[in-house]
Amino acid sequence: MTTIAVTGHTDLTEDSVPLIRAALDALLGRYARDGDGALVGVSCLAAGADSLFAEAVLAAGGRLVAVIPSRDYRRTKVGPARAPQFDHLVGSAAEVLVLPRDRADRRAYEAANAVLVERADRLVAVWNGEPPSGRGGGTADAVQDARAAGVPVEVVWPQGARRSG
């Protein structure tokens, strides 16, 4: 069994989505072929990279583990346009872990990143390589945490991928 967690940007441009999804499909396909459906993907199901990864895990026949950063995450961070996708992914997850935090804030995201790193054999980072913002709990922070813990990191940022922010 291979457990792969994801971290990544939430603000991907519309044109970047198919590029990143294709790269994730190819990467996860390698692991899905390695065993008998032993691929496990761990994701916080945020917009952008996290949700693309979760969809790719399911498409590859893998088992999805959802790590929800806080009790209020869906209510405060998942907008109406994205709610159907989020609810579908939560419903498709083999395991849903809601962290015991009341609010979706920096500390909740840091705690979620810690769970991702703890559970992962590998971390996939849908990341443009920019350094941490200094706010904590972001993609670059998760990459740093994984590397410090000795978890291999595979960066996915295909040519043409861009952030909208």
N, C-alpha and C. Protein backbone atom coordinates (compact mmCIF):
# COMPACT_ATOMS: atom_id res chain seq x y z
N MET A 1 0.85 -1.18 0.00
CA MET A 1 0.00 0.00 0.00
C MET A 1 0.88 1.23 0.00
N THR A 2 0.53 2.19 -0.83
CA THR A 2 1.23 3.46 -0.88
C THR A 2 0.25 4.56 -0.51
N THR A 3 0.61 5.35 0.50
CA THR A 3 -0.23 6.48 0.91
C THR A 3 0.43 7.76 0.44
N ILE A 4 -0.31 8.48 -0.39
CA ILE A 4 0.18 9.73 -0.97
C ILE A 4 -0.74 10.85 -0.51
N ALA A 5 -0.16 11.85 0.12
CA ALA A 5 -0.92 13.03 0.53
C ALA A 5 -0.67 14.14 -0.48
N VAL A 6 -1.53 15.14 -0.45
CA VAL A 6 -1.40 16.26 -1.38
C VAL A 6 -1.42 17.58 -0.62
N THR A 7 -0.67 18.50 -1.17
CA THR A 7 -0.77 19.90 -0.79
C THR A 7 -0.71 20.67 -2.10
N GLY A 8 -1.31 21.83 -2.15
CA GLY A 8 -1.25 22.56 -3.41
C GLY A 8 -2.04 23.84 -3.39
N HIS A 9 -1.85 24.58 -4.44
CA HIS A 9 -2.48 25.89 -4.57
C HIS A 9 -3.99 25.75 -4.81
N THR A 10 -4.73 26.65 -4.21
CA THR A 10 -6.18 26.67 -4.38
C THR A 10 -6.61 27.56 -5.54
N ASP A 11 -5.75 28.47 -5.92
CA ASP A 11 -6.11 29.51 -6.90
C ASP A 11 -5.53 29.23 -8.29
N LEU A 12 -5.85 28.07 -8.83
CA LEU A 12 -5.36 27.70 -10.16
C LEU A 12 -6.21 28.37 -11.23
N THR A 13 -5.57 28.77 -12.32
CA THR A 13 -6.35 29.32 -13.42
C THR A 13 -7.15 28.21 -14.09
N GLU A 14 -8.20 28.59 -14.75
CA GLU A 14 -9.05 27.62 -15.45
C GLU A 14 -8.25 26.82 -16.47
N ASP A 15 -7.33 27.48 -17.17
CA ASP A 15 -6.51 26.79 -18.18
C ASP A 15 -5.51 25.81 -17.54
N SER A 16 -5.17 26.01 -16.28
CA SER A 16 -4.23 25.13 -15.59
C SER A 16 -4.86 23.82 -15.16
N VAL A 17 -6.14 23.82 -14.92
CA VAL A 17 -6.81 22.65 -14.36
C VAL A 17 -6.59 21.38 -15.19
N PRO A 18 -6.83 21.39 -16.51
CA PRO A 18 -6.62 20.14 -17.26
C PRO A 18 -5.15 19.72 -17.31
N LEU A 19 -4.23 20.67 -17.30
CA LEU A 19 -2.80 20.34 -17.30
C LEU A 19 -2.42 19.62 -16.00
N ILE A 20 -2.89 20.16 -14.90
CA ILE A 20 -2.56 19.59 -13.59
C ILE A 20 -3.27 18.25 -13.41
N ARG A 21 -4.51 18.17 -13.83
CA ARG A 21 -5.24 16.90 -13.70
C ARG A 21 -4.55 15.80 -14.50
N ALA A 22 -4.10 16.11 -15.71
CA ALA A 22 -3.40 15.10 -16.52
C ALA A 22 -2.11 14.66 -15.84
N ALA A 23 -1.39 15.60 -15.27
CA ALA A 23 -0.14 15.26 -14.56
C ALA A 23 -0.43 14.39 -13.34
N LEU A 24 -1.49 14.71 -12.61
CA LEU A 24 -1.86 13.91 -11.44
C LEU A 24 -2.32 12.50 -11.85
N ASP A 25 -3.10 12.42 -12.93
CA ASP A 25 -3.54 11.11 -13.42
C ASP A 25 -2.34 10.24 -13.77
N ALA A 26 -1.36 10.82 -14.45
CA ALA A 26 -0.17 10.05 -14.84
C ALA A 26 0.61 9.61 -13.61
N LEU A 27 0.82 10.52 -12.68
CA LEU A 27 1.57 10.19 -11.46
C LEU A 27 0.86 9.11 -10.65
N LEU A 28 -0.41 9.27 -10.39
CA LEU A 28 -1.14 8.30 -9.57
C LEU A 28 -1.33 6.98 -10.29
N GLY A 29 -1.38 7.02 -11.61
CA GLY A 29 -1.48 5.80 -12.39
C GLY A 29 -0.31 4.87 -12.14
N ARG A 30 0.87 5.42 -11.92
CA ARG A 30 2.04 4.60 -11.61
C ARG A 30 1.84 3.81 -10.33
N TYR A 31 1.24 4.44 -9.34
CA TYR A 31 1.04 3.77 -8.05
C TYR A 31 -0.15 2.82 -8.09
N ALA A 32 -1.18 3.17 -8.83
CA ALA A 32 -2.34 2.30 -8.95
C ALA A 32 -1.96 0.99 -9.63
N ARG A 33 -1.02 1.04 -10.57
CA ARG A 33 -0.56 -0.17 -11.27
C ARG A 33 0.37 -1.01 -10.41
N ASP A 34 1.00 -0.38 -9.41
CA ASP A 34 1.98 -1.10 -8.58
C ASP A 34 1.36 -2.20 -7.73
N GLY A 35 0.10 -2.09 -7.42
CA GLY A 35 -0.48 -3.06 -6.49
C GLY A 35 -1.90 -3.38 -6.85
N ASP A 36 -2.59 -3.98 -5.91
CA ASP A 36 -3.96 -4.42 -6.12
C ASP A 36 -4.93 -3.41 -5.51
N GLY A 37 -4.95 -2.22 -6.09
CA GLY A 37 -5.82 -1.18 -5.56
C GLY A 37 -5.34 -0.63 -4.23
N ALA A 38 -4.03 -0.70 -4.01
CA ALA A 38 -3.48 -0.33 -2.72
C ALA A 38 -3.09 1.15 -2.64
N LEU A 39 -3.57 1.96 -3.55
CA LEU A 39 -3.29 3.39 -3.52
C LEU A 39 -4.24 4.07 -2.54
N VAL A 40 -3.67 4.83 -1.61
CA VAL A 40 -4.46 5.63 -0.69
C VAL A 40 -4.05 7.09 -0.89
N GLY A 41 -5.02 7.95 -1.11
CA GLY A 41 -4.76 9.38 -1.27
C GLY A 41 -5.35 10.14 -0.10
N VAL A 42 -4.57 11.06 0.45
CA VAL A 42 -5.00 11.85 1.61
C VAL A 42 -5.07 13.31 1.18
N SER A 43 -6.23 13.92 1.38
CA SER A 43 -6.45 15.28 0.89
C SER A 43 -7.36 16.05 1.85
N CYS A 44 -7.13 17.35 1.95
CA CYS A 44 -8.01 18.22 2.73
C CYS A 44 -9.21 18.71 1.92
N LEU A 45 -9.26 18.35 0.64
CA LEU A 45 -10.38 18.65 -0.24
C LEU A 45 -10.61 20.14 -0.47
N ALA A 46 -9.58 20.95 -0.28
CA ALA A 46 -9.71 22.38 -0.58
C ALA A 46 -9.92 22.56 -2.08
N ALA A 47 -10.32 23.75 -2.46
CA ALA A 47 -10.46 24.07 -3.88
C ALA A 47 -9.12 23.88 -4.58
N GLY A 48 -9.15 23.71 -5.86
CA GLY A 48 -7.92 23.63 -6.64
C GLY A 48 -7.24 22.29 -6.54
N ALA A 49 -5.96 22.30 -6.18
CA ALA A 49 -5.11 21.11 -6.21
C ALA A 49 -5.65 19.96 -5.37
N ASP A 50 -6.11 20.25 -4.16
CA ASP A 50 -6.58 19.18 -3.27
C ASP A 50 -7.74 18.40 -3.89
N SER A 51 -8.70 19.12 -4.46
CA SER A 51 -9.86 18.46 -5.05
C SER A 51 -9.50 17.74 -6.35
N LEU A 52 -8.63 18.34 -7.15
CA LEU A 52 -8.17 17.65 -8.37
C LEU A 52 -7.49 16.34 -8.03
N PHE A 53 -6.65 16.37 -7.01
CA PHE A 53 -5.95 15.17 -6.55
C PHE A 53 -6.96 14.13 -6.07
N ALA A 54 -7.92 14.54 -5.26
CA ALA A 54 -8.93 13.61 -4.73
C ALA A 54 -9.69 12.94 -5.86
N GLU A 55 -10.08 13.73 -6.87
CA GLU A 55 -10.78 13.16 -8.02
C GLU A 55 -9.89 12.17 -8.76
N ALA A 56 -8.60 12.49 -8.90
CA ALA A 56 -7.67 11.60 -9.60
C ALA A 56 -7.45 10.31 -8.82
N VAL A 57 -7.40 10.38 -7.50
CA VAL A 57 -7.27 9.17 -6.66
C VAL A 57 -8.46 8.25 -6.92
N LEU A 58 -9.65 8.80 -6.88
CA LEU A 58 -10.85 8.00 -7.09
C LEU A 58 -10.88 7.42 -8.50
N ALA A 59 -10.50 8.21 -9.50
CA ALA A 59 -10.48 7.73 -10.88
C ALA A 59 -9.48 6.59 -11.07
N ALA A 60 -8.41 6.60 -10.29
CA ALA A 60 -7.38 5.55 -10.38
C ALA A 60 -7.76 4.30 -9.57
N GLY A 61 -8.93 4.34 -8.94
CA GLY A 61 -9.37 3.20 -8.14
C GLY A 61 -8.80 3.18 -6.75
N GLY A 62 -8.25 4.32 -6.33
CA GLY A 62 -7.66 4.41 -5.00
C GLY A 62 -8.68 4.69 -3.92
N ARG A 63 -8.21 4.62 -2.70
CA ARG A 63 -9.02 4.89 -1.50
C ARG A 63 -8.72 6.31 -1.05
N LEU A 64 -9.76 7.12 -0.89
CA LEU A 64 -9.60 8.52 -0.50
C LEU A 64 -9.80 8.69 0.99
N VAL A 65 -8.87 9.41 1.62
CA VAL A 65 -8.99 9.82 3.02
C VAL A 65 -9.10 11.34 3.02
N ALA A 66 -10.18 11.85 3.59
CA ALA A 66 -10.40 13.30 3.66
C ALA A 66 -10.02 13.79 5.06
N VAL A 67 -9.18 14.81 5.09
CA VAL A 67 -8.79 15.45 6.36
C VAL A 67 -9.39 16.86 6.33
N ILE A 68 -10.41 17.07 7.14
CA ILE A 68 -11.11 18.35 7.17
C ILE A 68 -10.51 19.16 8.32
N PRO A 69 -9.94 20.35 8.03
CA PRO A 69 -9.18 21.10 9.04
C PRO A 69 -9.95 21.54 10.28
N SER A 70 -11.27 21.71 10.17
CA SER A 70 -12.02 22.22 11.33
C SER A 70 -13.49 21.86 11.19
N ARG A 71 -14.20 21.99 12.30
CA ARG A 71 -15.63 21.68 12.31
C ARG A 71 -16.43 22.63 11.41
N ASP A 72 -15.99 23.88 11.29
CA ASP A 72 -16.74 24.86 10.51
C ASP A 72 -16.25 24.99 9.07
N TYR A 73 -15.36 24.10 8.64
CA TYR A 73 -14.71 24.25 7.33
C TYR A 73 -15.73 24.33 6.19
N ARG A 74 -16.64 23.39 6.12
CA ARG A 74 -17.59 23.41 5.01
C ARG A 74 -18.44 24.68 5.03
N ARG A 75 -18.92 25.05 6.20
CA ARG A 75 -19.82 26.21 6.33
C ARG A 75 -19.10 27.52 5.99
N THR A 76 -17.82 27.64 6.39
CA THR A 76 -17.16 28.94 6.23
C THR A 76 -16.20 29.02 5.05
N LYS A 77 -15.73 27.89 4.53
CA LYS A 77 -14.71 27.92 3.48
C LYS A 77 -15.13 27.33 2.15
N VAL A 78 -16.22 26.57 2.13
CA VAL A 78 -16.69 25.96 0.89
C VAL A 78 -17.86 26.78 0.39
N GLY A 79 -17.65 27.51 -0.67
CA GLY A 79 -18.71 28.36 -1.21
C GLY A 79 -19.79 27.55 -1.91
N PRO A 80 -20.92 28.18 -2.17
CA PRO A 80 -22.05 27.48 -2.80
C PRO A 80 -21.70 26.84 -4.14
N ALA A 81 -20.85 27.50 -4.92
CA ALA A 81 -20.50 26.95 -6.24
C ALA A 81 -19.69 25.66 -6.12
N ARG A 82 -18.91 25.53 -5.06
CA ARG A 82 -18.05 24.36 -4.90
C ARG A 82 -18.63 23.29 -3.98
N ALA A 83 -19.73 23.60 -3.30
CA ALA A 83 -20.32 22.67 -2.34
C ALA A 83 -20.66 21.31 -2.94
N PRO A 84 -21.25 21.23 -4.14
CA PRO A 84 -21.55 19.90 -4.68
C PRO A 84 -20.30 19.03 -4.88
N GLN A 85 -19.22 19.62 -5.36
CA GLN A 85 -17.98 18.87 -5.54
C GLN A 85 -17.44 18.42 -4.18
N PHE A 86 -17.39 19.32 -3.23
CA PHE A 86 -16.90 19.00 -1.89
C PHE A 86 -17.72 17.87 -1.28
N ASP A 87 -19.05 18.00 -1.33
CA ASP A 87 -19.93 16.99 -0.74
C ASP A 87 -19.75 15.64 -1.43
N HIS A 88 -19.58 15.65 -2.74
CA HIS A 88 -19.35 14.40 -3.48
C HIS A 88 -18.05 13.73 -3.01
N LEU A 89 -16.99 14.52 -2.86
CA LEU A 89 -15.70 13.96 -2.44
C LEU A 89 -15.77 13.43 -1.00
N VAL A 90 -16.43 14.17 -0.12
CA VAL A 90 -16.59 13.68 1.26
C VAL A 90 -17.38 12.37 1.24
N GLY A 91 -18.43 12.33 0.45
CA GLY A 91 -19.25 11.13 0.37
C GLY A 91 -18.53 9.94 -0.25
N SER A 92 -17.54 10.21 -1.09
CA SER A 92 -16.77 9.16 -1.76
C SER A 92 -15.57 8.70 -0.95
N ALA A 93 -15.25 9.43 0.10
CA ALA A 93 -14.07 9.10 0.91
C ALA A 93 -14.32 7.84 1.73
N ALA A 94 -13.28 7.01 1.81
CA ALA A 94 -13.35 5.81 2.63
C ALA A 94 -13.24 6.16 4.11
N GLU A 95 -12.59 7.29 4.38
CA GLU A 95 -12.42 7.77 5.76
C GLU A 95 -12.48 9.29 5.74
N VAL A 96 -13.20 9.87 6.70
CA VAL A 96 -13.27 11.32 6.84
C VAL A 96 -12.83 11.66 8.26
N LEU A 97 -11.77 12.42 8.36
CA LEU A 97 -11.24 12.84 9.66
C LEU A 97 -11.46 14.34 9.79
N VAL A 98 -12.35 14.74 10.69
CA VAL A 98 -12.58 16.16 10.96
C VAL A 98 -11.75 16.51 12.20
N LEU A 99 -10.80 17.41 12.02
CA LEU A 99 -9.93 17.77 13.12
C LEU A 99 -10.71 18.50 14.22
N PRO A 100 -10.31 18.32 15.46
CA PRO A 100 -11.05 18.90 16.58
C PRO A 100 -10.74 20.38 16.79
N ARG A 101 -10.91 21.14 15.76
CA ARG A 101 -10.71 22.58 15.83
C ARG A 101 -12.04 23.23 15.47
N ASP A 102 -12.39 24.31 16.17
CA ASP A 102 -13.67 24.97 15.91
C ASP A 102 -13.64 25.82 14.65
N ARG A 103 -12.49 26.47 14.38
CA ARG A 103 -12.42 27.43 13.27
C ARG A 103 -11.37 27.06 12.25
N ALA A 104 -11.70 27.30 11.00
CA ALA A 104 -10.76 27.12 9.89
C ALA A 104 -9.85 28.35 9.85
N ASP A 105 -8.71 28.23 10.50
CA ASP A 105 -7.75 29.32 10.54
C ASP A 105 -6.35 28.75 10.34
N ARG A 106 -5.35 29.59 10.46
CA ARG A 106 -3.96 29.18 10.23
C ARG A 106 -3.60 27.97 11.07
N ARG A 107 -4.00 27.96 12.32
CA ARG A 107 -3.65 26.84 13.20
C ARG A 107 -4.33 25.54 12.75
N ALA A 108 -5.56 25.65 12.26
CA ALA A 108 -6.25 24.46 11.75
C ALA A 108 -5.54 23.92 10.51
N TYR A 109 -5.08 24.82 9.63
CA TYR A 109 -4.38 24.37 8.43
C TYR A 109 -3.02 23.76 8.78
N GLU A 110 -2.35 24.33 9.75
CA GLU A 110 -1.08 23.74 10.20
C GLU A 110 -1.31 22.35 10.78
N ALA A 111 -2.38 22.19 11.55
CA ALA A 111 -2.70 20.87 12.12
C ALA A 111 -3.05 19.88 11.01
N ALA A 112 -3.78 20.34 10.01
CA ALA A 112 -4.12 19.47 8.88
C ALA A 112 -2.86 19.05 8.12
N ASN A 113 -1.94 20.00 7.90
CA ASN A 113 -0.68 19.67 7.24
C ASN A 113 0.08 18.61 8.03
N ALA A 114 0.06 18.72 9.35
CA ALA A 114 0.76 17.74 10.19
C ALA A 114 0.17 16.35 10.01
N VAL A 115 -1.15 16.26 9.90
CA VAL A 115 -1.79 14.96 9.67
C VAL A 115 -1.40 14.41 8.30
N LEU A 116 -1.38 15.27 7.30
CA LEU A 116 -0.98 14.83 5.95
C LEU A 116 0.42 14.23 5.98
N VAL A 117 1.35 14.95 6.58
CA VAL A 117 2.74 14.50 6.62
C VAL A 117 2.87 13.22 7.44
N GLU A 118 2.15 13.14 8.54
CA GLU A 118 2.21 11.95 9.41
C GLU A 118 1.71 10.70 8.69
N ARG A 119 0.69 10.84 7.88
CA ARG A 119 0.08 9.68 7.22
C ARG A 119 0.76 9.31 5.90
N ALA A 120 1.55 10.20 5.35
CA ALA A 120 2.03 10.02 3.98
C ALA A 120 3.32 9.21 3.88
N ASP A 121 3.35 8.35 2.86
CA ASP A 121 4.60 7.75 2.41
C ASP A 121 5.31 8.71 1.46
N ARG A 122 4.49 9.50 0.77
CA ARG A 122 4.97 10.51 -0.18
C ARG A 122 4.02 11.70 -0.12
N LEU A 123 4.54 12.87 -0.47
CA LEU A 123 3.69 14.07 -0.57
C LEU A 123 3.78 14.58 -2.00
N VAL A 124 2.63 14.79 -2.61
CA VAL A 124 2.56 15.43 -3.92
C VAL A 124 2.25 16.90 -3.66
N ALA A 125 3.06 17.77 -4.22
CA ALA A 125 2.87 19.21 -4.05
C ALA A 125 2.56 19.83 -5.41
N VAL A 126 1.33 20.28 -5.58
CA VAL A 126 0.95 21.03 -6.78
C VAL A 126 1.32 22.46 -6.45
N TRP A 127 2.56 22.81 -6.84
CA TRP A 127 3.22 23.97 -6.27
C TRP A 127 4.14 24.62 -7.29
N ASN A 128 4.10 25.93 -7.33
CA ASN A 128 4.94 26.68 -8.27
C ASN A 128 6.34 26.94 -7.73
N GLY A 129 6.65 26.44 -6.56
CA GLY A 129 8.00 26.55 -6.00
C GLY A 129 8.28 27.82 -5.21
N GLU A 130 7.28 28.68 -5.08
CA GLU A 130 7.51 29.92 -4.32
C GLU A 130 7.67 29.63 -2.83
N PRO A 131 8.48 30.42 -2.13
CA PRO A 131 8.71 30.18 -0.71
C PRO A 131 7.45 30.45 0.13
N PRO A 132 7.47 30.03 1.40
CA PRO A 132 6.32 30.27 2.28
C PRO A 132 5.99 31.76 2.38
N SER A 133 4.70 32.02 2.59
CA SER A 133 4.24 33.40 2.69
C SER A 133 4.49 34.00 4.06
N GLY A 134 4.79 33.13 5.03
CA GLY A 134 4.98 33.61 6.39
C GLY A 134 3.73 33.53 7.23
N ARG A 135 2.61 33.16 6.61
CA ARG A 135 1.35 33.05 7.35
C ARG A 135 1.16 31.67 7.95
N GLY A 136 1.85 30.66 7.46
CA GLY A 136 1.75 29.30 7.99
C GLY A 136 0.58 28.54 7.42
N GLY A 137 0.74 27.23 7.32
CA GLY A 137 -0.34 26.37 6.88
C GLY A 137 -0.51 26.27 5.38
N GLY A 138 0.40 26.87 4.61
CA GLY A 138 0.27 26.86 3.15
C GLY A 138 1.04 25.73 2.49
N THR A 139 1.03 25.74 1.17
CA THR A 139 1.67 24.70 0.38
C THR A 139 3.16 24.61 0.66
N ALA A 140 3.86 25.72 0.60
CA ALA A 140 5.31 25.70 0.83
C ALA A 140 5.63 25.23 2.25
N ASP A 141 4.78 25.58 3.21
CA ASP A 141 4.98 25.13 4.59
C ASP A 141 4.85 23.61 4.69
N ALA A 142 3.85 23.05 4.01
CA ALA A 142 3.67 21.59 4.02
C ALA A 142 4.85 20.89 3.37
N VAL A 143 5.37 21.46 2.29
CA VAL A 143 6.55 20.90 1.63
C VAL A 143 7.74 20.90 2.59
N GLN A 144 7.96 22.01 3.25
CA GLN A 144 9.06 22.10 4.23
C GLN A 144 8.89 21.08 5.35
N ASP A 145 7.66 20.95 5.86
CA ASP A 145 7.40 20.00 6.94
C ASP A 145 7.67 18.57 6.49
N ALA A 146 7.22 18.24 5.28
CA ALA A 146 7.44 16.88 4.76
C ALA A 146 8.92 16.60 4.59
N ARG A 147 9.63 17.52 4.00
CA ARG A 147 11.07 17.32 3.80
C ARG A 147 11.79 17.17 5.13
N ALA A 148 11.40 17.97 6.12
CA ALA A 148 12.03 17.89 7.44
C ALA A 148 11.75 16.54 8.11
N ALA A 149 10.59 15.95 7.80
CA ALA A 149 10.22 14.64 8.36
C ALA A 149 10.76 13.47 7.55
N GLY A 150 11.45 13.79 6.45
CA GLY A 150 11.99 12.72 5.61
C GLY A 150 10.98 12.10 4.66
N VAL A 151 9.85 12.77 4.45
CA VAL A 151 8.84 12.27 3.52
C VAL A 151 9.20 12.79 2.13
N PRO A 152 9.36 11.88 1.15
CA PRO A 152 9.67 12.33 -0.21
C PRO A 152 8.57 13.23 -0.77
N VAL A 153 8.99 14.27 -1.47
CA VAL A 153 8.06 15.24 -2.06
C VAL A 153 8.22 15.19 -3.58
N GLU A 154 7.10 15.07 -4.27
CA GLU A 154 7.09 15.13 -5.72
C GLU A 154 6.30 16.36 -6.12
N VAL A 155 6.97 17.29 -6.80
CA VAL A 155 6.33 18.54 -7.22
C VAL A 155 5.68 18.33 -8.57
N VAL A 156 4.42 18.75 -8.68
CA VAL A 156 3.67 18.73 -9.93
C VAL A 156 3.36 20.18 -10.28
N TRP A 157 3.98 20.65 -11.32
CA TRP A 157 3.70 22.01 -11.83
C TRP A 157 4.03 22.01 -13.32
N PRO A 158 3.10 21.48 -14.12
CA PRO A 158 3.37 21.34 -15.55
C PRO A 158 3.55 22.69 -16.24
N GLN A 159 4.29 22.64 -17.34
CA GLN A 159 4.48 23.87 -18.13
C GLN A 159 3.12 24.42 -18.51
N GLY A 160 2.94 25.70 -18.29
CA GLY A 160 1.67 26.37 -18.60
C GLY A 160 0.77 26.53 -17.38
N ALA A 161 1.09 25.87 -16.27
CA ALA A 161 0.28 26.01 -15.06
C ALA A 161 0.49 27.40 -14.48
N ARG A 162 -0.59 27.97 -13.98
CA ARG A 162 -0.54 29.32 -13.42
C ARG A 162 -1.51 29.42 -12.26
N ARG A 163 -1.22 30.39 -11.40
CA ARG A 163 -2.14 30.76 -10.33
C ARG A 163 -2.91 31.99 -10.74
N SER A 164 -4.13 32.10 -10.25
CA SER A 164 -4.95 33.26 -10.61
C SER A 164 -4.74 34.41 -9.64
N GLY A 165 -4.18 34.11 -8.47
CA GLY A 165 -4.02 35.12 -7.43
C GLY A 165 -2.84 36.00 -7.57
